[in-house]
Amino acid sequence: MRRISATLWVALALGVLPLAAQSATNSDSGIRKDEYKAEVARADAQYSADKDACASKQGNDKDVCMKQATAQHKKALADAKAKNKTRETVASARDEKLDAEYKVAKEKCDALSGDAKDACIRNAKLKYHQ
């Protein structure tokens, strides 16, 4: 039986390993896509339930409830996007969360008037970097 030289083994390993890594990456992206779709579906279902819970409220309470439901939905979608763990995606998810929370805080300020409302909006802008 012939022995295979060490150089041939190295060449085989270098040629085969990138192929194995590529196939693993392809299968991971399929799993990530399925996980993303499942998370989006869960977020959509929760959003629908949250909106239904707001139906019994009236006035500004209903507006605040709807903004909170929307904010929770946007945050859940941002979290699903952030699963990719790229810098841009994580930064985008963080910005979307802050924007959603800002909108809720701003809606809560609508119940106030005058200087109190102005101060409330100023504080919300500072807190959520708007």
N, C-alpha and C. Protein backbone atom coordinates (compact mmCIF):
# COMPACT_ATOMS: atom_id res chain seq x y z
N MET A 1 0.83 -1.17 0.00
CA MET A 1 0.00 0.00 0.00
C MET A 1 0.89 1.25 0.00
N ARG A 2 0.52 2.23 -0.77
CA ARG A 2 1.33 3.45 -0.86
C ARG A 2 0.95 4.42 0.24
N ARG A 3 1.91 5.12 0.71
CA ARG A 3 1.67 6.15 1.71
C ARG A 3 1.42 7.48 0.99
N ILE A 4 0.49 8.23 1.53
CA ILE A 4 0.21 9.56 0.98
C ILE A 4 1.11 10.54 1.72
N SER A 5 1.74 11.40 0.96
CA SER A 5 2.69 12.34 1.57
C SER A 5 1.94 13.37 2.42
N ALA A 6 2.65 13.95 3.37
CA ALA A 6 2.09 14.97 4.24
C ALA A 6 1.62 16.17 3.44
N THR A 7 2.33 16.52 2.39
CA THR A 7 1.95 17.65 1.55
C THR A 7 0.61 17.41 0.89
N LEU A 8 0.38 16.18 0.45
CA LEU A 8 -0.90 15.85 -0.17
C LEU A 8 -2.02 15.94 0.86
N TRP A 9 -1.76 15.49 2.07
CA TRP A 9 -2.77 15.57 3.14
C TRP A 9 -3.13 17.02 3.42
N VAL A 10 -2.14 17.87 3.48
CA VAL A 10 -2.38 19.29 3.73
C VAL A 10 -3.20 19.89 2.59
N ALA A 11 -2.84 19.55 1.37
CA ALA A 11 -3.57 20.07 0.22
C ALA A 11 -5.02 19.60 0.24
N LEU A 12 -5.23 18.34 0.57
CA LEU A 12 -6.60 17.82 0.68
C LEU A 12 -7.37 18.54 1.77
N ALA A 13 -6.74 18.71 2.92
CA ALA A 13 -7.41 19.37 4.04
C ALA A 13 -7.77 20.81 3.68
N LEU A 14 -6.84 21.51 3.05
CA LEU A 14 -7.11 22.90 2.68
C LEU A 14 -8.18 23.00 1.60
N GLY A 15 -8.27 22.03 0.77
CA GLY A 15 -9.28 22.05 -0.28
C GLY A 15 -10.65 21.66 0.22
N VAL A 16 -10.70 20.76 1.20
CA VAL A 16 -11.97 20.24 1.69
C VAL A 16 -12.56 21.12 2.78
N LEU A 17 -11.72 21.67 3.64
CA LEU A 17 -12.23 22.47 4.76
C LEU A 17 -13.03 23.69 4.32
N PRO A 18 -12.57 24.44 3.33
CA PRO A 18 -13.41 25.58 2.91
C PRO A 18 -14.77 25.14 2.38
N LEU A 19 -14.82 24.01 1.71
CA LEU A 19 -16.11 23.50 1.23
C LEU A 19 -17.02 23.13 2.39
N ALA A 20 -16.46 22.50 3.41
CA ALA A 20 -17.25 22.13 4.58
C ALA A 20 -17.74 23.38 5.31
N ALA A 21 -16.88 24.37 5.44
CA ALA A 21 -17.28 25.61 6.09
C ALA A 21 -18.38 26.32 5.31
N GLN A 22 -18.26 26.30 3.97
CA GLN A 22 -19.27 26.94 3.15
C GLN A 22 -20.62 26.24 3.28
N SER A 23 -20.64 24.92 3.30
CA SER A 23 -21.92 24.22 3.43
C SER A 23 -22.51 24.43 4.81
N ALA A 24 -21.68 24.54 5.85
CA ALA A 24 -22.19 24.81 7.19
C ALA A 24 -22.80 26.20 7.24
N THR A 25 -22.17 27.16 6.58
CA THR A 25 -22.68 28.53 6.55
C THR A 25 -24.01 28.56 5.83
N ASN A 26 -24.12 27.85 4.73
CA ASN A 26 -25.37 27.84 3.97
C ASN A 26 -26.50 27.25 4.81
N SER A 27 -26.22 26.18 5.54
CA SER A 27 -27.29 25.59 6.33
C SER A 27 -27.65 26.48 7.51
N ASP A 28 -26.67 27.22 8.09
CA ASP A 28 -26.95 28.12 9.19
C ASP A 28 -27.84 29.26 8.73
N SER A 29 -27.58 29.79 7.53
CA SER A 29 -28.38 30.91 7.07
C SER A 29 -29.83 30.50 6.86
N GLY A 30 -30.06 29.26 6.47
CA GLY A 30 -31.43 28.77 6.35
C GLY A 30 -32.11 28.69 7.69
N ILE A 31 -31.38 28.26 8.69
CA ILE A 31 -31.93 28.18 10.04
C ILE A 31 -32.21 29.60 10.55
N ARG A 32 -31.28 30.50 10.34
CA ARG A 32 -31.48 31.87 10.78
C ARG A 32 -32.70 32.49 10.12
N LYS A 33 -32.88 32.20 8.84
CA LYS A 33 -34.03 32.75 8.13
C LYS A 33 -35.33 32.22 8.71
N ASP A 34 -35.37 30.92 9.02
CA ASP A 34 -36.55 30.33 9.62
C ASP A 34 -36.80 30.90 11.02
N GLU A 35 -35.72 31.05 11.79
CA GLU A 35 -35.85 31.64 13.13
C GLU A 35 -36.36 33.07 13.03
N TYR A 36 -35.85 33.82 12.08
CA TYR A 36 -36.28 35.20 11.89
C TYR A 36 -37.77 35.25 11.56
N LYS A 37 -38.19 34.40 10.63
CA LYS A 37 -39.60 34.37 10.25
C LYS A 37 -40.49 34.00 11.44
N ALA A 38 -40.02 33.05 12.27
CA ALA A 38 -40.79 32.65 13.44
C ALA A 38 -40.88 33.80 14.45
N GLU A 39 -39.79 34.51 14.64
CA GLU A 39 -39.81 35.64 15.56
C GLU A 39 -40.72 36.75 15.06
N VAL A 40 -40.70 36.99 13.77
CA VAL A 40 -41.57 38.01 13.20
C VAL A 40 -43.04 37.59 13.37
N ALA A 41 -43.33 36.33 13.15
CA ALA A 41 -44.70 35.84 13.32
C ALA A 41 -45.16 35.99 14.78
N ARG A 42 -44.25 35.67 15.72
CA ARG A 42 -44.59 35.85 17.14
C ARG A 42 -44.84 37.32 17.46
N ALA A 43 -43.99 38.18 16.93
CA ALA A 43 -44.15 39.62 17.17
C ALA A 43 -45.47 40.13 16.59
N ASP A 44 -45.82 39.67 15.40
CA ASP A 44 -47.08 40.08 14.78
C ASP A 44 -48.28 39.61 15.59
N ALA A 45 -48.21 38.39 16.09
CA ALA A 45 -49.31 37.85 16.90
C ALA A 45 -49.45 38.63 18.20
N GLN A 46 -48.33 38.94 18.83
CA GLN A 46 -48.36 39.71 20.08
C GLN A 46 -48.90 41.11 19.83
N TYR A 47 -48.51 41.70 18.72
CA TYR A 47 -48.97 43.05 18.35
C TYR A 47 -50.49 43.05 18.17
N SER A 48 -50.99 42.03 17.51
CA SER A 48 -52.44 41.93 17.31
C SER A 48 -53.16 41.81 18.65
N ALA A 49 -52.63 40.99 19.54
CA ALA A 49 -53.23 40.83 20.87
C ALA A 49 -53.17 42.13 21.66
N ASP A 50 -52.04 42.82 21.57
CA ASP A 50 -51.90 44.09 22.29
C ASP A 50 -52.87 45.14 21.76
N LYS A 51 -53.06 45.18 20.45
CA LYS A 51 -54.02 46.14 19.88
C LYS A 51 -55.43 45.81 20.32
N ASP A 52 -55.77 44.54 20.39
CA ASP A 52 -57.09 44.14 20.85
C ASP A 52 -57.32 44.56 22.29
N ALA A 53 -56.27 44.49 23.11
CA ALA A 53 -56.38 44.89 24.51
C ALA A 53 -56.61 46.40 24.63
N CYS A 54 -56.16 47.16 23.66
CA CYS A 54 -56.33 48.62 23.69
C CYS A 54 -57.75 49.04 23.29
N ALA A 55 -58.49 48.16 22.67
CA ALA A 55 -59.80 48.51 22.13
C ALA A 55 -60.77 48.99 23.21
N SER A 56 -60.62 48.48 24.42
CA SER A 56 -61.56 48.84 25.48
C SER A 56 -61.24 50.19 26.12
N LYS A 57 -60.10 50.76 25.81
CA LYS A 57 -59.69 52.04 26.39
C LYS A 57 -60.18 53.19 25.53
N GLN A 58 -60.16 54.40 26.13
CA GLN A 58 -60.63 55.57 25.40
C GLN A 58 -59.68 56.73 25.58
N GLY A 59 -59.75 57.67 24.67
CA GLY A 59 -58.99 58.91 24.78
C GLY A 59 -57.50 58.70 24.72
N ASN A 60 -56.78 59.48 25.54
CA ASN A 60 -55.33 59.43 25.53
C ASN A 60 -54.82 58.08 26.02
N ASP A 61 -55.55 57.45 26.93
CA ASP A 61 -55.14 56.12 27.40
C ASP A 61 -55.08 55.13 26.25
N LYS A 62 -56.05 55.23 25.35
CA LYS A 62 -56.06 54.34 24.18
C LYS A 62 -54.90 54.68 23.26
N ASP A 63 -54.63 55.98 23.07
CA ASP A 63 -53.51 56.40 22.22
C ASP A 63 -52.18 55.90 22.78
N VAL A 64 -52.01 56.04 24.09
CA VAL A 64 -50.78 55.57 24.73
C VAL A 64 -50.66 54.06 24.60
N CYS A 65 -51.76 53.36 24.82
CA CYS A 65 -51.77 51.90 24.70
C CYS A 65 -51.38 51.47 23.29
N MET A 66 -51.91 52.14 22.28
CA MET A 66 -51.59 51.79 20.90
C MET A 66 -50.12 52.09 20.59
N LYS A 67 -49.61 53.22 21.10
CA LYS A 67 -48.20 53.54 20.89
C LYS A 67 -47.30 52.51 21.56
N GLN A 68 -47.71 52.06 22.76
CA GLN A 68 -46.92 51.04 23.45
C GLN A 68 -46.94 49.72 22.68
N ALA A 69 -48.09 49.37 22.14
CA ALA A 69 -48.20 48.14 21.36
C ALA A 69 -47.31 48.23 20.12
N THR A 70 -47.35 49.38 19.47
CA THR A 70 -46.52 49.58 18.28
C THR A 70 -45.04 49.55 18.65
N ALA A 71 -44.69 50.18 19.76
CA ALA A 71 -43.30 50.20 20.21
C ALA A 71 -42.81 48.78 20.51
N GLN A 72 -43.62 48.01 21.20
CA GLN A 72 -43.24 46.62 21.52
C GLN A 72 -43.04 45.82 20.24
N HIS A 73 -43.91 46.04 19.27
CA HIS A 73 -43.81 45.34 17.99
C HIS A 73 -42.52 45.72 17.27
N LYS A 74 -42.24 47.02 17.22
CA LYS A 74 -41.02 47.48 16.54
C LYS A 74 -39.78 46.95 17.25
N LYS A 75 -39.81 46.91 18.58
CA LYS A 75 -38.66 46.40 19.32
C LYS A 75 -38.46 44.91 19.05
N ALA A 76 -39.55 44.17 19.00
CA ALA A 76 -39.44 42.73 18.72
C ALA A 76 -38.88 42.49 17.32
N LEU A 77 -39.33 43.28 16.35
CA LEU A 77 -38.80 43.15 14.99
C LEU A 77 -37.33 43.56 14.94
N ALA A 78 -36.97 44.59 15.68
CA ALA A 78 -35.57 45.03 15.73
C ALA A 78 -34.69 43.95 16.36
N ASP A 79 -35.21 43.30 17.41
CA ASP A 79 -34.45 42.22 18.03
C ASP A 79 -34.25 41.07 17.05
N ALA A 80 -35.27 40.77 16.27
CA ALA A 80 -35.15 39.70 15.28
C ALA A 80 -34.09 40.05 14.24
N LYS A 81 -34.06 41.32 13.83
CA LYS A 81 -33.05 41.76 12.88
C LYS A 81 -31.65 41.68 13.48
N ALA A 82 -31.56 42.00 14.75
CA ALA A 82 -30.25 42.05 15.42
C ALA A 82 -29.64 40.66 15.59
N LYS A 83 -30.41 39.63 15.37
CA LYS A 83 -29.88 38.27 15.47
C LYS A 83 -28.76 38.04 14.46
N ASN A 84 -28.72 38.83 13.39
CA ASN A 84 -27.64 38.70 12.41
C ASN A 84 -26.30 39.10 12.99
N LYS A 85 -26.34 39.92 14.01
CA LYS A 85 -25.17 40.34 14.76
C LYS A 85 -24.12 41.08 13.93
N THR A 86 -24.55 41.73 12.90
CA THR A 86 -23.62 42.61 12.20
C THR A 86 -23.71 43.97 12.88
N ARG A 87 -22.67 44.73 12.80
CA ARG A 87 -22.66 46.04 13.47
C ARG A 87 -23.80 46.92 13.00
N GLU A 88 -24.01 46.94 11.69
CA GLU A 88 -25.05 47.80 11.14
C GLU A 88 -26.43 47.37 11.64
N THR A 89 -26.66 46.08 11.69
CA THR A 89 -27.96 45.57 12.11
C THR A 89 -28.21 45.87 13.57
N VAL A 90 -27.19 45.67 14.40
CA VAL A 90 -27.34 45.93 15.83
C VAL A 90 -27.58 47.42 16.07
N ALA A 91 -26.84 48.27 15.37
CA ALA A 91 -27.03 49.71 15.52
C ALA A 91 -28.41 50.13 15.04
N SER A 92 -28.86 49.56 13.94
CA SER A 92 -30.18 49.87 13.42
C SER A 92 -31.26 49.43 14.40
N ALA A 93 -31.10 48.25 14.98
CA ALA A 93 -32.07 47.75 15.96
C ALA A 93 -32.12 48.66 17.18
N ARG A 94 -30.96 49.10 17.64
CA ARG A 94 -30.90 50.00 18.81
C ARG A 94 -31.62 51.30 18.49
N ASP A 95 -31.39 51.86 17.30
CA ASP A 95 -32.03 53.11 16.91
C ASP A 95 -33.54 52.95 16.80
N GLU A 96 -33.99 51.84 16.26
CA GLU A 96 -35.42 51.59 16.13
C GLU A 96 -36.08 51.47 17.50
N LYS A 97 -35.40 50.82 18.43
CA LYS A 97 -35.94 50.70 19.78
C LYS A 97 -36.07 52.06 20.46
N LEU A 98 -35.00 52.87 20.34
CA LEU A 98 -35.03 54.20 20.94
C LEU A 98 -36.14 55.05 20.33
N ASP A 99 -36.30 54.97 19.03
CA ASP A 99 -37.34 55.73 18.35
C ASP A 99 -38.73 55.30 18.81
N ALA A 100 -38.92 54.00 18.96
CA ALA A 100 -40.22 53.49 19.41
C ALA A 100 -40.52 53.95 20.84
N GLU A 101 -39.54 53.87 21.71
CA GLU A 101 -39.73 54.31 23.09
C GLU A 101 -39.97 55.81 23.16
N TYR A 102 -39.31 56.57 22.31
CA TYR A 102 -39.51 58.02 22.26
C TYR A 102 -40.95 58.35 21.88
N LYS A 103 -41.48 57.64 20.90
CA LYS A 103 -42.85 57.90 20.48
C LYS A 103 -43.85 57.63 21.60
N VAL A 104 -43.59 56.60 22.41
CA VAL A 104 -44.47 56.30 23.55
C VAL A 104 -44.37 57.44 24.57
N ALA A 105 -43.15 57.85 24.89
CA ALA A 105 -42.96 58.92 25.87
C ALA A 105 -43.61 60.21 25.40
N LYS A 106 -43.47 60.51 24.12
CA LYS A 106 -44.06 61.72 23.56
C LYS A 106 -45.59 61.66 23.62
N GLU A 107 -46.15 60.50 23.37
CA GLU A 107 -47.61 60.34 23.45
C GLU A 107 -48.09 60.55 24.89
N LYS A 108 -47.32 60.08 25.85
CA LYS A 108 -47.67 60.29 27.26
C LYS A 108 -47.65 61.77 27.60
N CYS A 109 -46.78 62.52 26.95
CA CYS A 109 -46.69 63.96 27.19
C CYS A 109 -47.94 64.69 26.71
N ASP A 110 -48.68 64.11 25.78
CA ASP A 110 -49.87 64.76 25.24
C ASP A 110 -50.95 64.95 26.31
N ALA A 111 -50.89 64.18 27.38
CA ALA A 111 -51.87 64.33 28.46
C ALA A 111 -51.59 65.60 29.28
N LEU A 112 -50.39 66.15 29.14
CA LEU A 112 -50.01 67.34 29.89
C LEU A 112 -50.24 68.59 29.04
N SER A 113 -50.05 69.77 29.64
CA SER A 113 -50.17 71.00 28.87
C SER A 113 -49.17 72.03 29.39
N GLY A 114 -48.92 73.02 28.57
CA GLY A 114 -48.06 74.13 28.96
C GLY A 114 -46.62 73.73 29.19
N ASP A 115 -46.06 74.32 30.26
CA ASP A 115 -44.65 74.09 30.57
C ASP A 115 -44.38 72.63 30.91
N ALA A 116 -45.33 71.99 31.56
CA ALA A 116 -45.15 70.58 31.93
C ALA A 116 -45.00 69.72 30.68
N LYS A 117 -45.80 70.01 29.67
CA LYS A 117 -45.72 69.26 28.42
C LYS A 117 -44.39 69.53 27.73
N ASP A 118 -43.97 70.79 27.69
CA ASP A 118 -42.70 71.14 27.07
C ASP A 118 -41.54 70.44 27.77
N ALA A 119 -41.58 70.43 29.09
CA ALA A 119 -40.52 69.76 29.87
C ALA A 119 -40.54 68.26 29.63
N CYS A 120 -41.72 67.71 29.55
CA CYS A 120 -41.87 66.27 29.30
C CYS A 120 -41.26 65.90 27.95
N ILE A 121 -41.56 66.67 26.94
CA ILE A 121 -41.03 66.39 25.60
C ILE A 121 -39.52 66.58 25.57
N ARG A 122 -39.02 67.64 26.23
CA ARG A 122 -37.57 67.85 26.31
C ARG A 122 -36.87 66.67 26.97
N ASN A 123 -37.45 66.19 28.08
CA ASN A 123 -36.87 65.04 28.79
C ASN A 123 -36.89 63.78 27.92
N ALA A 124 -37.97 63.60 27.18
CA ALA A 124 -38.07 62.43 26.30
C ALA A 124 -37.01 62.50 25.20
N LYS A 125 -36.82 63.68 24.65
CA LYS A 125 -35.79 63.85 23.60
C LYS A 125 -34.41 63.54 24.13
N LEU A 126 -34.14 64.02 25.34
CA LEU A 126 -32.84 63.75 25.95
C LEU A 126 -32.65 62.26 26.24
N LYS A 127 -33.67 61.67 26.82
CA LYS A 127 -33.57 60.27 27.24
C LYS A 127 -33.42 59.32 26.06
N TYR A 128 -34.13 59.62 24.97
CA TYR A 128 -34.13 58.70 23.82
C TYR A 128 -33.31 59.23 22.65
N HIS A 129 -32.45 60.21 22.90
CA HIS A 129 -31.47 60.70 21.91
C HIS A 129 -32.14 61.16 20.61
N GLN A 130 -33.16 61.94 20.73
CA GLN A 130 -33.86 62.45 19.54
C GLN A 130 -33.46 63.87 19.23
